[in-house]
Amino acid sequence: MADAFSAATAALFKDPNLATTGTYTPRDGAPVTVKVLRAAPRPVTLEVGRGGASSDLARPFEVLTSEVPDRPYRGATLEVDGTLYEVENAEARARGTVWFLDVRKA
């Protein structure tokens, strides 16, 4: 039986008010239907030049490691609500139950 933390995390991904369905495609693999949570946008610095730093908002997503067992790498894609995103980075969070994906529009 899963621990209470894992069960609570799974419940968030089952809530239709919080989660949506997306399609994750690894760089060299077949597409997989996954549940997706949108994380809060956060500022990122895009480039630093003579005019200073320019920034934008990263639009991260979270997916369950049970649905995407192998670490997502740069170049994998995630399609959510008709918009295709390319994975820039992934890190395990929530005791390893969730991949936190930094993405950009493809």
C-alpha atoms as a PDB file:
ATOM      1  CA  MET A   1       0.000   0.000   0.000  1.00  0.00           C
ATOM      2  CA  ALA A   2       1.251   3.469  -0.876  1.00  0.00           C
ATOM      3  CA  ASP A   3       2.170   5.869   1.886  1.00  0.00           C
ATOM      4  CA  ALA A   4      -0.148   8.776   2.705  1.00  0.00           C
ATOM      5  CA  PHE A   5       2.045  11.298   0.857  1.00  0.00           C
ATOM      6  CA  SER A   6       1.997   9.294  -2.376  1.00  0.00           C
ATOM      7  CA  ALA A   7      -1.756   8.774  -2.068  1.00  0.00           C
ATOM      8  CA  ALA A   8      -2.331  12.505  -1.588  1.00  0.00           C
ATOM      9  CA  THR A   9      -0.151  13.333  -4.596  1.00  0.00           C
ATOM     10  CA  ALA A  10      -2.054  10.832  -6.755  1.00  0.00           C
ATOM     11  CA  ALA A  11      -5.350  12.377  -5.615  1.00  0.00           C
ATOM     12  CA  LEU A  12      -4.230  15.820  -6.843  1.00  0.00           C
ATOM     13  CA  PHE A  13      -3.585  14.408 -10.304  1.00  0.00           C
ATOM     14  CA  LYS A  14      -7.035  12.784 -10.353  1.00  0.00           C
ATOM     15  CA  ASP A  15      -8.826  16.048  -9.503  1.00  0.00           C
ATOM     16  CA  PRO A  16     -10.324  17.456 -12.752  1.00  0.00           C
ATOM     17  CA  ASN A  17     -10.199  20.963 -11.262  1.00  0.00           C
ATOM     18  CA  LEU A  18      -6.418  20.769 -10.942  1.00  0.00           C
ATOM     19  CA  ALA A  19      -5.164  18.300 -13.541  1.00  0.00           C
ATOM     20  CA  THR A  20      -5.542  18.042 -17.275  1.00  0.00           C
ATOM     21  CA  THR A  21      -4.542  15.385 -19.778  1.00  0.00           C
ATOM     22  CA  GLY A  22      -1.446  15.822 -21.915  1.00  0.00           C
ATOM     23  CA  THR A  23       0.815  13.842 -24.207  1.00  0.00           C
ATOM     24  CA  TYR A  24       4.427  13.309 -23.209  1.00  0.00           C
ATOM     25  CA  THR A  25       6.854  12.157 -25.906  1.00  0.00           C
ATOM     26  CA  PRO A  26      10.443  11.252 -24.998  1.00  0.00           C
ATOM     27  CA  ARG A  27      13.182  12.273 -27.443  1.00  0.00           C
ATOM     28  CA  ASP A  28      13.470   8.763 -28.830  1.00  0.00           C
ATOM     29  CA  GLY A  29      10.219   7.139 -27.847  1.00  0.00           C
ATOM     30  CA  ALA A  30       6.513   6.726 -28.295  1.00  0.00           C
ATOM     31  CA  PRO A  31       3.923   9.244 -27.026  1.00  0.00           C
ATOM     32  CA  VAL A  32       2.306   8.544 -23.657  1.00  0.00           C
ATOM     33  CA  THR A  33      -0.927  10.040 -22.312  1.00  0.00           C
ATOM     34  CA  VAL A  34      -0.286  11.589 -18.885  1.00  0.00           C
ATOM     35  CA  LYS A  35      -2.045  13.655 -16.259  1.00  0.00           C
ATOM     36  CA  VAL A  36      -0.512  17.124 -15.954  1.00  0.00           C
ATOM     37  CA  LEU A  37      -0.585  19.790 -13.253  1.00  0.00           C
ATOM     38  CA  ARG A  38       0.332  23.334 -14.180  1.00  0.00           C
ATOM     39  CA  ALA A  39       2.810  24.769 -11.716  1.00  0.00           C
ATOM     40  CA  ALA A  40       2.860  28.482 -10.939  1.00  0.00           C
ATOM     41  CA  PRO A  41       4.747  30.491 -13.589  1.00  0.00           C
ATOM     42  CA  ARG A  42       8.063  31.815 -12.373  1.00  0.00           C
ATOM     43  CA  PRO A  43      10.451  34.411 -13.728  1.00  0.00           C
ATOM     44  CA  VAL A  44      13.590  33.264 -15.532  1.00  0.00           C
ATOM     45  CA  THR A  45      16.441  35.248 -17.048  1.00  0.00           C
ATOM     46  CA  LEU A  46      16.684  34.680 -20.784  1.00  0.00           C
ATOM     47  CA  GLU A  47      19.854  36.555 -21.590  1.00  0.00           C
ATOM     48  CA  VAL A  48      22.203  39.099 -20.122  1.00  0.00           C
ATOM     49  CA  GLY A  49      23.646  41.693 -22.472  1.00  0.00           C
ATOM     50  CA  ARG A  50      24.647  45.321 -22.725  1.00  0.00           C
ATOM     51  CA  GLY A  51      21.067  46.412 -22.161  1.00  0.00           C
ATOM     52  CA  GLY A  52      20.740  44.349 -18.982  1.00  0.00           C
ATOM     53  CA  ALA A  53      18.906  41.123 -18.418  1.00  0.00           C
ATOM     54  CA  SER A  54      15.748  40.155 -20.211  1.00  0.00           C
ATOM     55  CA  SER A  55      13.340  37.798 -18.545  1.00  0.00           C
ATOM     56  CA  ASP A  56      10.178  35.868 -19.158  1.00  0.00           C
ATOM     57  CA  LEU A  57       7.908  33.584 -17.211  1.00  0.00           C
ATOM     58  CA  ALA A  58       8.698  29.881 -17.282  1.00  0.00           C
ATOM     59  CA  ARG A  59       5.589  27.746 -17.466  1.00  0.00           C
ATOM     60  CA  PRO A  60       6.473  24.598 -15.612  1.00  0.00           C
ATOM     61  CA  PHE A  61       4.368  21.464 -15.421  1.00  0.00           C
ATOM     62  CA  GLU A  62       4.323  18.451 -13.147  1.00  0.00           C
ATOM     63  CA  VAL A  63       3.787  14.835 -14.235  1.00  0.00           C
ATOM     64  CA  LEU A  64       3.731  11.658 -12.152  1.00  0.00           C
ATOM     65  CA  THR A  65       6.863   9.530 -12.169  1.00  0.00           C
ATOM     66  CA  SER A  66       4.553   6.500 -12.299  1.00  0.00           C
ATOM     67  CA  GLU A  67       3.416   7.673 -15.767  1.00  0.00           C
ATOM     68  CA  VAL A  68       6.868   8.860 -16.911  1.00  0.00           C
ATOM     69  CA  PRO A  69       9.266   6.482 -15.127  1.00  0.00           C
ATOM     70  CA  ASP A  70      12.450   7.559 -16.955  1.00  0.00           C
ATOM     71  CA  ARG A  71      13.853  11.026 -16.331  1.00  0.00           C
ATOM     72  CA  PRO A  72      12.662  13.433 -19.052  1.00  0.00           C
ATOM     73  CA  TYR A  73      15.551  15.007 -20.945  1.00  0.00           C
ATOM     74  CA  ARG A  74      15.890  18.174 -22.998  1.00  0.00           C
ATOM     75  CA  GLY A  75      14.194  17.668 -26.324  1.00  0.00           C
ATOM     76  CA  ALA A  76      11.292  15.593 -25.025  1.00  0.00           C
ATOM     77  CA  THR A  77       7.916  17.224 -25.670  1.00  0.00           C
ATOM     78  CA  LEU A  78       4.710  17.743 -23.747  1.00  0.00           C
ATOM     79  CA  GLU A  79       1.486  18.716 -25.485  1.00  0.00           C
ATOM     80  CA  VAL A  80      -1.131  20.318 -23.246  1.00  0.00           C
ATOM     81  CA  ASP A  81      -4.405  21.822 -24.452  1.00  0.00           C
ATOM     82  CA  GLY A  82      -3.191  21.891 -28.058  1.00  0.00           C
ATOM     83  CA  THR A  83       0.086  23.661 -27.259  1.00  0.00           C
ATOM     84  CA  LEU A  84       3.371  21.841 -27.775  1.00  0.00           C
ATOM     85  CA  TYR A  85       6.158  22.451 -25.251  1.00  0.00           C
ATOM     86  CA  GLU A  86       9.754  21.275 -25.281  1.00  0.00           C
ATOM     87  CA  VAL A  87      11.309  20.069 -22.045  1.00  0.00           C
ATOM     88  CA  GLU A  88      14.319  22.119 -20.959  1.00  0.00           C
ATOM     89  CA  ASN A  89      14.940  20.483 -17.592  1.00  0.00           C
ATOM     90  CA  ALA A  90      13.365  17.989 -15.208  1.00  0.00           C
ATOM     91  CA  GLU A  91      13.842  17.354 -11.533  1.00  0.00           C
ATOM     92  CA  ALA A  92      12.224  14.880  -9.177  1.00  0.00           C
ATOM     93  CA  ARG A  93      10.110  16.412  -6.426  1.00  0.00           C
ATOM     94  CA  ALA A  94       7.547  15.394  -3.843  1.00  0.00           C
ATOM     95  CA  ARG A  95       9.596  12.458  -2.558  1.00  0.00           C
ATOM     96  CA  GLY A  96      10.265  11.273  -6.090  1.00  0.00           C
ATOM     97  CA  THR A  97       6.595  10.928  -7.058  1.00  0.00           C
ATOM     98  CA  VAL A  98       6.560  13.875  -9.473  1.00  0.00           C
ATOM     99  CA  TRP A  99       8.727  15.222 -12.286  1.00  0.00           C
ATOM    100  CA  PHE A 100       8.831  19.029 -12.261  1.00  0.00           C
ATOM    101  CA  LEU A 101       9.341  20.043 -15.911  1.00  0.00           C
ATOM    102  CA  ASP A 102      10.723  23.371 -17.063  1.00  0.00           C
ATOM    103  CA  VAL A 103       9.426  23.830 -20.605  1.00  0.00           C
ATOM    104  CA  ARG A 104       9.316  26.342 -23.438  1.00  0.00           C
ATOM    105  CA  LYS A 105       6.923  26.535 -26.363  1.00  0.00           C
ATOM    106  CA  ALA A 106       8.205  24.402 -29.215  1.00  0.00           C
END
